[in-house]
Amino acid sequence: MGKRYLLDSNVIIDYIAGLYSDKTAHWLSQIIDSEINVSIITKIEVLSFSPNKDDDYAVLIDFFDVADVFELTEDVVDKTIQLRQKKKIKLPVTVIAATALVNKLILVSRNAKDFKNIPNLEVVNPYEI
């Protein structure tokens, strides 16, 4: 099996909005066509982002309907606690990082700096592809 990825909230929002270069959009399309992995935190963040429920909201609902949404398992909770005990990192960031680590996924995020102090976490910024 090839590389597996976990998509952060900002990646999904930017992808749906068509903000990426052709090269990055193609790269993300290949990931999405293969396997959509997201944290439950990402689903909450993205679907809470658009209170006016414009046209993109229906697209986002469809996106999450076909995605593999990783729930808060005991392993993810334990890893989140372990990470937060070592460094003071925002809870949503830590849950997303723990989800990627526990499930051996590469995190795709525009906010790579938010995750820079998390050991063993591989992060790809799609704007740097």
N, C-alpha and C. Protein backbone atom coordinates (compact mmCIF):
# COMPACT_ATOMS: atom_id res chain seq x y z
N MET A 1 0.85 -1.18 0.00
CA MET A 1 0.00 0.00 0.00
C MET A 1 0.89 1.24 0.00
N GLY A 2 0.48 2.25 -0.77
CA GLY A 2 1.24 3.49 -0.86
C GLY A 2 1.04 4.37 0.36
N LYS A 3 1.46 5.59 0.22
CA LYS A 3 1.32 6.55 1.31
C LYS A 3 -0.16 6.83 1.56
N ARG A 4 -0.48 7.02 2.83
CA ARG A 4 -1.85 7.33 3.23
C ARG A 4 -1.84 8.67 3.94
N TYR A 5 -2.90 9.44 3.73
CA TYR A 5 -2.94 10.82 4.20
C TYR A 5 -4.17 11.11 5.05
N LEU A 6 -4.01 12.08 5.95
CA LEU A 6 -5.11 12.64 6.73
C LEU A 6 -5.23 14.10 6.32
N LEU A 7 -6.41 14.50 5.87
CA LEU A 7 -6.61 15.87 5.39
C LEU A 7 -7.09 16.78 6.51
N ASP A 8 -6.41 17.91 6.67
CA ASP A 8 -6.78 18.91 7.66
C ASP A 8 -7.92 19.79 7.11
N SER A 9 -8.58 20.49 7.99
CA SER A 9 -9.74 21.33 7.63
C SER A 9 -9.42 22.32 6.52
N ASN A 10 -8.31 23.03 6.65
CA ASN A 10 -7.99 24.07 5.67
C ASN A 10 -7.74 23.48 4.29
N VAL A 11 -7.26 22.27 4.21
CA VAL A 11 -7.01 21.62 2.92
C VAL A 11 -8.34 21.35 2.21
N ILE A 12 -9.31 20.87 2.95
CA ILE A 12 -10.62 20.57 2.37
C ILE A 12 -11.30 21.85 1.91
N ILE A 13 -11.29 22.86 2.75
CA ILE A 13 -11.93 24.14 2.41
C ILE A 13 -11.29 24.74 1.16
N ASP A 14 -9.97 24.77 1.11
CA ASP A 14 -9.26 25.34 -0.04
C ASP A 14 -9.48 24.51 -1.30
N TYR A 15 -9.56 23.18 -1.15
CA TYR A 15 -9.79 22.30 -2.29
C TYR A 15 -11.18 22.54 -2.89
N ILE A 16 -12.19 22.56 -2.05
CA ILE A 16 -13.56 22.78 -2.51
C ILE A 16 -13.70 24.16 -3.15
N ALA A 17 -12.98 25.15 -2.60
CA ALA A 17 -13.03 26.52 -3.13
C ALA A 17 -12.19 26.69 -4.39
N GLY A 18 -11.42 25.68 -4.78
CA GLY A 18 -10.62 25.74 -5.99
C GLY A 18 -9.43 26.69 -5.89
N LEU A 19 -8.80 26.77 -4.73
CA LEU A 19 -7.71 27.72 -4.51
C LEU A 19 -6.32 27.18 -4.86
N TYR A 20 -6.20 25.92 -5.19
CA TYR A 20 -4.89 25.33 -5.44
C TYR A 20 -4.47 25.47 -6.90
N SER A 21 -3.16 25.44 -7.11
CA SER A 21 -2.62 25.39 -8.47
C SER A 21 -3.07 24.08 -9.11
N ASP A 22 -2.96 24.01 -10.43
CA ASP A 22 -3.35 22.78 -11.13
C ASP A 22 -2.56 21.57 -10.62
N LYS A 23 -1.26 21.79 -10.39
CA LYS A 23 -0.40 20.70 -9.92
C LYS A 23 -0.87 20.18 -8.56
N THR A 24 -1.13 21.09 -7.62
CA THR A 24 -1.57 20.70 -6.28
C THR A 24 -2.97 20.10 -6.33
N ALA A 25 -3.85 20.68 -7.11
CA ALA A 25 -5.22 20.16 -7.23
C ALA A 25 -5.19 18.73 -7.78
N HIS A 26 -4.33 18.49 -8.75
CA HIS A 26 -4.19 17.13 -9.31
C HIS A 26 -3.68 16.15 -8.24
N TRP A 27 -2.65 16.57 -7.50
CA TRP A 27 -2.09 15.73 -6.43
C TRP A 27 -3.16 15.41 -5.39
N LEU A 28 -3.92 16.42 -4.95
CA LEU A 28 -4.97 16.19 -3.95
C LEU A 28 -6.10 15.34 -4.52
N SER A 29 -6.43 15.54 -5.77
CA SER A 29 -7.48 14.73 -6.40
C SER A 29 -7.12 13.25 -6.39
N GLN A 30 -5.85 12.95 -6.62
CA GLN A 30 -5.42 11.55 -6.58
C GLN A 30 -5.59 10.98 -5.17
N ILE A 31 -5.26 11.76 -4.16
CA ILE A 31 -5.43 11.31 -2.77
C ILE A 31 -6.91 11.09 -2.48
N ILE A 32 -7.73 12.08 -2.84
CA ILE A 32 -9.16 12.02 -2.56
C ILE A 32 -9.83 10.88 -3.32
N ASP A 33 -9.43 10.66 -4.56
CA ASP A 33 -10.00 9.56 -5.34
C ASP A 33 -9.63 8.19 -4.77
N SER A 34 -8.47 8.13 -4.10
CA SER A 34 -7.99 6.88 -3.52
C SER A 34 -8.64 6.59 -2.17
N GLU A 35 -8.61 7.58 -1.29
CA GLU A 35 -9.06 7.35 0.09
C GLU A 35 -9.13 8.70 0.81
N ILE A 36 -10.30 9.08 1.28
CA ILE A 36 -10.45 10.33 2.02
C ILE A 36 -10.42 10.02 3.51
N ASN A 37 -9.38 10.49 4.20
CA ASN A 37 -9.26 10.29 5.64
C ASN A 37 -9.28 11.65 6.33
N VAL A 38 -10.16 11.77 7.33
CA VAL A 38 -10.24 13.00 8.11
C VAL A 38 -10.50 12.65 9.57
N SER A 39 -10.10 13.55 10.43
CA SER A 39 -10.39 13.42 11.85
C SER A 39 -11.81 13.91 12.11
N ILE A 40 -12.42 13.42 13.16
CA ILE A 40 -13.74 13.92 13.57
C ILE A 40 -13.66 15.42 13.85
N ILE A 41 -12.52 15.90 14.33
CA ILE A 41 -12.32 17.34 14.59
C ILE A 41 -12.43 18.11 13.28
N THR A 42 -11.85 17.59 12.22
CA THR A 42 -11.91 18.24 10.91
C THR A 42 -13.35 18.34 10.43
N LYS A 43 -14.10 17.28 10.58
CA LYS A 43 -15.51 17.30 10.18
C LYS A 43 -16.26 18.38 10.95
N ILE A 44 -16.04 18.44 12.25
CA ILE A 44 -16.71 19.45 13.08
C ILE A 44 -16.30 20.86 12.64
N GLU A 45 -15.00 21.08 12.48
CA GLU A 45 -14.51 22.41 12.09
C GLU A 45 -15.07 22.85 10.74
N VAL A 46 -15.00 21.98 9.75
CA VAL A 46 -15.41 22.35 8.39
C VAL A 46 -16.92 22.60 8.32
N LEU A 47 -17.70 21.71 8.91
CA LEU A 47 -19.15 21.87 8.81
C LEU A 47 -19.68 22.98 9.71
N SER A 48 -18.89 23.44 10.67
CA SER A 48 -19.27 24.57 11.52
C SER A 48 -18.85 25.89 10.89
N PHE A 49 -17.99 25.83 9.89
CA PHE A 49 -17.38 27.01 9.30
C PHE A 49 -18.36 27.85 8.49
N SER A 50 -19.36 27.23 7.89
CA SER A 50 -20.23 27.91 6.95
C SER A 50 -21.65 28.02 7.49
N PRO A 51 -21.88 28.98 8.37
CA PRO A 51 -23.21 29.07 8.99
C PRO A 51 -24.33 29.45 8.04
N ASN A 52 -24.01 30.10 6.91
CA ASN A 52 -25.07 30.51 5.98
C ASN A 52 -25.52 29.38 5.05
N LYS A 53 -24.85 28.24 5.14
CA LYS A 53 -25.23 27.04 4.38
C LYS A 53 -25.34 27.33 2.88
N ASP A 54 -24.34 28.03 2.34
CA ASP A 54 -24.35 28.33 0.91
C ASP A 54 -24.16 27.06 0.08
N ASP A 55 -23.98 27.21 -1.22
CA ASP A 55 -23.90 26.06 -2.12
C ASP A 55 -22.79 25.08 -1.75
N ASP A 56 -21.66 25.57 -1.23
CA ASP A 56 -20.55 24.69 -0.87
C ASP A 56 -20.90 23.76 0.29
N TYR A 57 -21.87 24.14 1.10
CA TYR A 57 -22.22 23.33 2.25
C TYR A 57 -22.71 21.94 1.81
N ALA A 58 -23.54 21.90 0.78
CA ALA A 58 -24.03 20.61 0.27
C ALA A 58 -22.88 19.76 -0.27
N VAL A 59 -21.92 20.40 -0.92
CA VAL A 59 -20.74 19.69 -1.42
C VAL A 59 -19.94 19.13 -0.25
N LEU A 60 -19.80 19.92 0.80
CA LEU A 60 -19.06 19.47 1.98
C LEU A 60 -19.76 18.30 2.67
N ILE A 61 -21.06 18.35 2.77
CA ILE A 61 -21.83 17.24 3.35
C ILE A 61 -21.56 15.96 2.54
N ASP A 62 -21.63 16.08 1.21
CA ASP A 62 -21.36 14.92 0.35
C ASP A 62 -19.93 14.42 0.54
N PHE A 63 -18.98 15.35 0.67
CA PHE A 63 -17.58 15.01 0.87
C PHE A 63 -17.41 14.15 2.13
N PHE A 64 -18.01 14.58 3.23
CA PHE A 64 -17.87 13.84 4.49
C PHE A 64 -18.69 12.55 4.50
N ASP A 65 -19.73 12.49 3.68
CA ASP A 65 -20.51 11.25 3.58
C ASP A 65 -19.67 10.10 3.01
N VAL A 66 -18.72 10.43 2.13
CA VAL A 66 -17.89 9.38 1.52
C VAL A 66 -16.52 9.26 2.18
N ALA A 67 -16.22 10.15 3.12
CA ALA A 67 -14.91 10.13 3.78
C ALA A 67 -14.87 9.09 4.89
N ASP A 68 -13.65 8.63 5.18
CA ASP A 68 -13.41 7.83 6.38
C ASP A 68 -13.13 8.82 7.50
N VAL A 69 -14.08 8.95 8.42
CA VAL A 69 -13.95 9.89 9.53
C VAL A 69 -13.44 9.12 10.74
N PHE A 70 -12.22 9.47 11.18
CA PHE A 70 -11.63 8.79 12.32
C PHE A 70 -12.19 9.37 13.61
N GLU A 71 -12.84 8.54 14.37
CA GLU A 71 -13.47 8.94 15.63
C GLU A 71 -12.44 9.06 16.75
N LEU A 72 -12.88 9.50 17.90
CA LEU A 72 -12.02 9.60 19.08
C LEU A 72 -11.96 8.24 19.78
N THR A 73 -11.06 7.41 19.32
CA THR A 73 -10.86 6.11 19.96
C THR A 73 -10.02 6.31 21.23
N GLU A 74 -9.95 5.27 22.04
CA GLU A 74 -9.12 5.34 23.25
C GLU A 74 -7.66 5.58 22.90
N ASP A 75 -7.18 4.98 21.81
CA ASP A 75 -5.79 5.18 21.40
C ASP A 75 -5.53 6.64 21.02
N VAL A 76 -6.47 7.25 20.31
CA VAL A 76 -6.32 8.66 19.92
C VAL A 76 -6.38 9.55 21.16
N VAL A 77 -7.30 9.26 22.05
CA VAL A 77 -7.40 10.04 23.30
C VAL A 77 -6.11 9.92 24.10
N ASP A 78 -5.60 8.71 24.26
CA ASP A 78 -4.36 8.50 25.02
C ASP A 78 -3.19 9.25 24.39
N LYS A 79 -3.09 9.20 23.06
CA LYS A 79 -2.00 9.88 22.36
C LYS A 79 -2.16 11.40 22.49
N THR A 80 -3.38 11.89 22.45
CA THR A 80 -3.64 13.32 22.62
C THR A 80 -3.19 13.77 24.00
N ILE A 81 -3.53 13.01 25.02
CA ILE A 81 -3.12 13.34 26.39
C ILE A 81 -1.61 13.35 26.50
N GLN A 82 -0.98 12.32 25.95
CA GLN A 82 0.48 12.22 25.99
C GLN A 82 1.15 13.42 25.32
N LEU A 83 0.65 13.82 24.16
CA LEU A 83 1.22 14.97 23.45
C LEU A 83 1.01 16.27 24.21
N ARG A 84 -0.17 16.45 24.79
CA ARG A 84 -0.46 17.70 25.51
C ARG A 84 0.29 17.79 26.83
N GLN A 85 0.63 16.65 27.40
CA GLN A 85 1.43 16.67 28.63
C GLN A 85 2.84 17.17 28.36
N LYS A 86 3.35 16.91 27.16
CA LYS A 86 4.71 17.29 26.81
C LYS A 86 4.80 18.72 26.30
N LYS A 87 3.79 19.16 25.57
CA LYS A 87 3.81 20.49 24.97
C LYS A 87 2.41 21.08 25.04
N LYS A 88 2.34 22.37 25.23
CA LYS A 88 1.05 23.05 25.27
C LYS A 88 0.64 23.38 23.84
N ILE A 89 -0.17 22.51 23.28
CA ILE A 89 -0.65 22.64 21.91
C ILE A 89 -2.17 22.70 21.98
N LYS A 90 -2.77 23.50 21.11
CA LYS A 90 -4.23 23.61 21.09
C LYS A 90 -4.85 22.23 20.94
N LEU A 91 -5.94 22.03 21.64
CA LEU A 91 -6.59 20.71 21.66
C LEU A 91 -6.98 20.20 20.27
N PRO A 92 -7.64 21.00 19.42
CA PRO A 92 -7.98 20.45 18.10
C PRO A 92 -6.75 20.02 17.29
N VAL A 93 -5.69 20.81 17.36
CA VAL A 93 -4.45 20.49 16.66
C VAL A 93 -3.89 19.17 17.18
N THR A 94 -3.92 19.01 18.49
CA THR A 94 -3.37 17.80 19.10
C THR A 94 -4.19 16.56 18.74
N VAL A 95 -5.51 16.69 18.71
CA VAL A 95 -6.37 15.55 18.34
C VAL A 95 -6.11 15.14 16.88
N ILE A 96 -5.97 16.12 16.00
CA ILE A 96 -5.70 15.82 14.60
C ILE A 96 -4.34 15.14 14.47
N ALA A 97 -3.34 15.67 15.16
CA ALA A 97 -2.00 15.06 15.13
C ALA A 97 -2.03 13.64 15.69
N ALA A 98 -2.70 13.45 16.80
CA ALA A 98 -2.80 12.12 17.41
C ALA A 98 -3.51 11.14 16.48
N THR A 99 -4.54 11.61 15.80
CA THR A 99 -5.25 10.77 14.84
C THR A 99 -4.31 10.30 13.73
N ALA A 100 -3.51 11.23 13.21
CA ALA A 100 -2.54 10.87 12.16
C ALA A 100 -1.51 9.88 12.69
N LEU A 101 -0.97 10.15 13.87
CA LEU A 101 0.07 9.29 14.43
C LEU A 101 -0.45 7.88 14.72
N VAL A 102 -1.58 7.79 15.38
CA VAL A 102 -2.14 6.48 15.76
C VAL A 102 -2.46 5.64 14.52
N ASN A 103 -2.93 6.31 13.47
CA ASN A 103 -3.35 5.59 12.26
C ASN A 103 -2.28 5.54 11.17
N LYS A 104 -1.07 6.01 11.54
CA LYS A 104 0.08 5.98 10.62
C LYS A 104 -0.22 6.68 9.29
N LEU A 105 -0.73 7.92 9.41
CA LEU A 105 -1.08 8.72 8.26
C LEU A 105 -0.20 9.96 8.18
N ILE A 106 0.03 10.43 6.97
CA ILE A 106 0.75 11.69 6.74
C ILE A 106 -0.29 12.80 6.77
N LEU A 107 -0.06 13.81 7.55
CA LEU A 107 -1.00 14.92 7.66
C LEU A 107 -0.78 15.91 6.53
N VAL A 108 -1.86 16.31 5.87
CA VAL A 108 -1.81 17.35 4.84
C VAL A 108 -2.48 18.58 5.43
N SER A 109 -1.69 19.65 5.62
CA SER A 109 -2.20 20.87 6.24
C SER A 109 -1.45 22.09 5.74
N ARG A 110 -2.21 23.15 5.51
CA ARG A 110 -1.61 24.44 5.17
C ARG A 110 -0.89 25.01 6.40
N ASN A 111 -1.34 24.65 7.58
CA ASN A 111 -0.79 25.18 8.83
C ASN A 111 0.26 24.24 9.41
N ALA A 112 1.24 23.89 8.62
CA ALA A 112 2.28 22.96 9.06
C ALA A 112 2.98 23.45 10.32
N LYS A 113 3.08 24.76 10.48
CA LYS A 113 3.75 25.31 11.67
C LYS A 113 3.02 24.94 12.97
N ASP A 114 1.71 24.75 12.91
CA ASP A 114 0.96 24.35 14.10
C ASP A 114 1.39 22.98 14.61
N PHE A 115 1.94 22.16 13.72
CA PHE A 115 2.27 20.78 14.04
C PHE A 115 3.77 20.54 14.17
N LYS A 116 4.57 21.59 14.04
CA LYS A 116 6.03 21.42 13.94
C LYS A 116 6.68 20.81 15.17
N ASN A 117 6.10 20.96 16.34
CA ASN A 117 6.71 20.45 17.58
C ASN A 117 6.20 19.08 17.99
N ILE A 118 5.52 18.40 17.08
CA ILE A 118 4.97 17.09 17.40
C ILE A 118 5.89 16.02 16.82
N PRO A 119 6.56 15.26 17.70
CA PRO A 119 7.53 14.25 17.24
C PRO A 119 6.88 13.17 16.38
N ASN A 120 7.62 12.76 15.37
CA ASN A 120 7.25 11.63 14.49
C ASN A 120 6.04 11.90 13.60
N LEU A 121 5.57 13.13 13.56
CA LEU A 121 4.44 13.46 12.70
C LEU A 121 4.95 14.03 11.38
N GLU A 122 4.61 13.37 10.29
CA GLU A 122 4.98 13.87 8.96
C GLU A 122 3.86 14.77 8.45
N VAL A 123 4.22 15.99 8.06
CA VAL A 123 3.24 16.96 7.60
C VAL A 123 3.64 17.47 6.22
N VAL A 124 2.67 17.53 5.32
CA VAL A 124 2.88 18.06 3.97
C VAL A 124 1.99 19.29 3.81
N ASN A 125 2.61 20.41 3.42
CA ASN A 125 1.87 21.62 3.11
C ASN A 125 1.54 21.58 1.61
N PRO A 126 0.26 21.53 1.25
CA PRO A 126 -0.08 21.39 -0.17
C PRO A 126 0.35 22.59 -1.00
N TYR A 127 0.56 23.73 -0.38
CA TYR A 127 1.01 24.91 -1.11
C TYR A 127 2.51 24.84 -1.44
N GLU A 128 3.16 23.82 -0.92
CA GLU A 128 4.59 23.63 -1.19
C GLU A 128 4.85 22.41 -2.06
N ILE A 129 3.84 21.92 -2.71
CA ILE A 129 3.96 20.73 -3.59
C ILE A 129 4.58 21.16 -4.91
